[in-house]
Amino acid sequence: MSVILIDGLKTVGFHNGILRIECIEAGPNGEERSSGTLLIPGNQAGQVLKSLVEATQQLEKRLREQQQPAAAPTAGNA
């Protein structure tokens, strides 16, 4: 299995029924360089993208919940 670091997207195209997403990463001096290409069958692209959005939203929600400070006790509960 390959691992691709994605700092950004360079190009997105659709050719021969395949969604092709060219990914970039930041090099050592901050220059952009190719990190790989995501190839998603066209008939699966909508579901894959929807799943990524939903997973990102769930992760964001969990992170917000972890960052909330614990509720302080009220005067009647002290």
Protein backbone atom coordinates (compact mmCIF):
# COMPACT_ATOMS: atom_id res chain seq x y z
CA MET A 1 0.00 0.00 0.00
CA SER A 2 1.25 3.46 -0.87
CA VAL A 3 1.01 6.48 1.40
CA ILE A 4 0.48 9.91 -0.16
CA LEU A 5 0.90 13.16 1.75
CA ILE A 6 -1.55 15.72 0.39
CA ASP A 7 -0.84 19.37 1.14
CA GLY A 8 -2.94 20.48 -1.80
CA LEU A 9 -4.41 19.62 -5.16
CA LYS A 10 -2.81 20.56 -8.46
CA THR A 11 -5.31 19.36 -11.04
CA VAL A 12 -8.58 17.47 -11.09
CA GLY A 13 -9.78 15.86 -14.28
CA PHE A 14 -12.12 13.22 -15.62
CA HIS A 15 -10.89 11.00 -18.45
CA ASN A 16 -12.04 7.56 -19.63
CA GLY A 17 -14.48 7.25 -16.73
CA ILE A 18 -11.82 7.91 -14.07
CA LEU A 19 -11.67 10.92 -11.75
CA ARG A 20 -7.98 11.83 -11.53
CA ILE A 21 -6.77 14.07 -8.71
CA GLU A 22 -3.13 15.12 -8.89
CA CYS A 23 -1.87 15.78 -5.37
CA ILE A 24 1.02 17.97 -4.23
CA GLU A 25 3.11 18.25 -1.11
CA ALA A 26 5.44 20.93 0.19
CA GLY A 27 9.10 20.12 -0.39
CA PRO A 28 11.95 20.92 1.99
CA ASN A 29 12.20 24.52 0.80
CA GLY A 30 8.46 25.03 0.56
CA GLU A 31 8.35 24.30 -3.18
CA GLU A 32 5.43 22.27 -4.47
CA ARG A 33 6.10 18.80 -5.79
CA SER A 34 3.89 15.97 -6.93
CA SER A 35 3.06 13.42 -4.22
CA GLY A 36 0.84 11.13 -6.26
CA THR A 37 -2.45 10.82 -8.10
CA LEU A 38 -5.74 9.60 -6.71
CA LEU A 39 -7.65 7.53 -9.26
CA ILE A 40 -11.34 7.07 -8.47
CA PRO A 41 -13.73 5.25 -10.82
CA GLY A 42 -16.34 7.75 -12.01
CA ASN A 43 -19.26 5.64 -10.80
CA GLN A 44 -17.75 5.65 -7.27
CA ALA A 45 -16.52 9.26 -7.12
CA GLY A 46 -19.68 10.74 -5.57
CA GLN A 47 -19.80 8.18 -2.77
CA VAL A 48 -16.06 8.40 -2.08
CA LEU A 49 -16.17 12.20 -1.86
CA LYS A 50 -19.31 12.10 0.31
CA SER A 51 -17.61 9.63 2.66
CA LEU A 52 -14.53 11.86 2.95
CA VAL A 53 -16.69 14.89 3.79
CA GLU A 54 -18.68 12.97 6.41
CA ALA A 55 -15.55 11.49 8.00
CA THR A 56 -13.93 14.93 8.16
CA GLN A 57 -17.04 16.43 9.78
CA GLN A 58 -17.13 13.64 12.40
CA LEU A 59 -13.44 14.12 13.16
CA GLU A 60 -13.90 17.88 13.50
CA LYS A 61 -16.83 17.33 15.91
CA ARG A 62 -14.77 14.97 18.08
CA LEU A 63 -11.86 17.40 18.16
CA ARG A 64 -14.16 20.25 19.25
CA GLU A 65 -15.62 18.06 22.01
CA GLN A 66 -12.13 17.21 23.29
CA GLN A 67 -11.13 20.88 23.36
CA GLN A 68 -14.11 21.99 25.47
CA PRO A 69 -13.10 22.54 29.10
CA ALA A 70 -14.79 20.39 31.69
CA ALA A 71 -17.86 22.06 33.13
CA ALA A 72 -17.08 23.93 36.34
CA PRO A 73 -19.14 22.87 39.38
CA THR A 74 -21.99 25.21 40.24
CA ALA A 75 -22.27 26.89 43.64
CA GLY A 76 -24.95 24.41 44.77
CA ASN A 77 -22.76 21.44 43.88
CA ALA A 78 -19.54 22.62 45.55
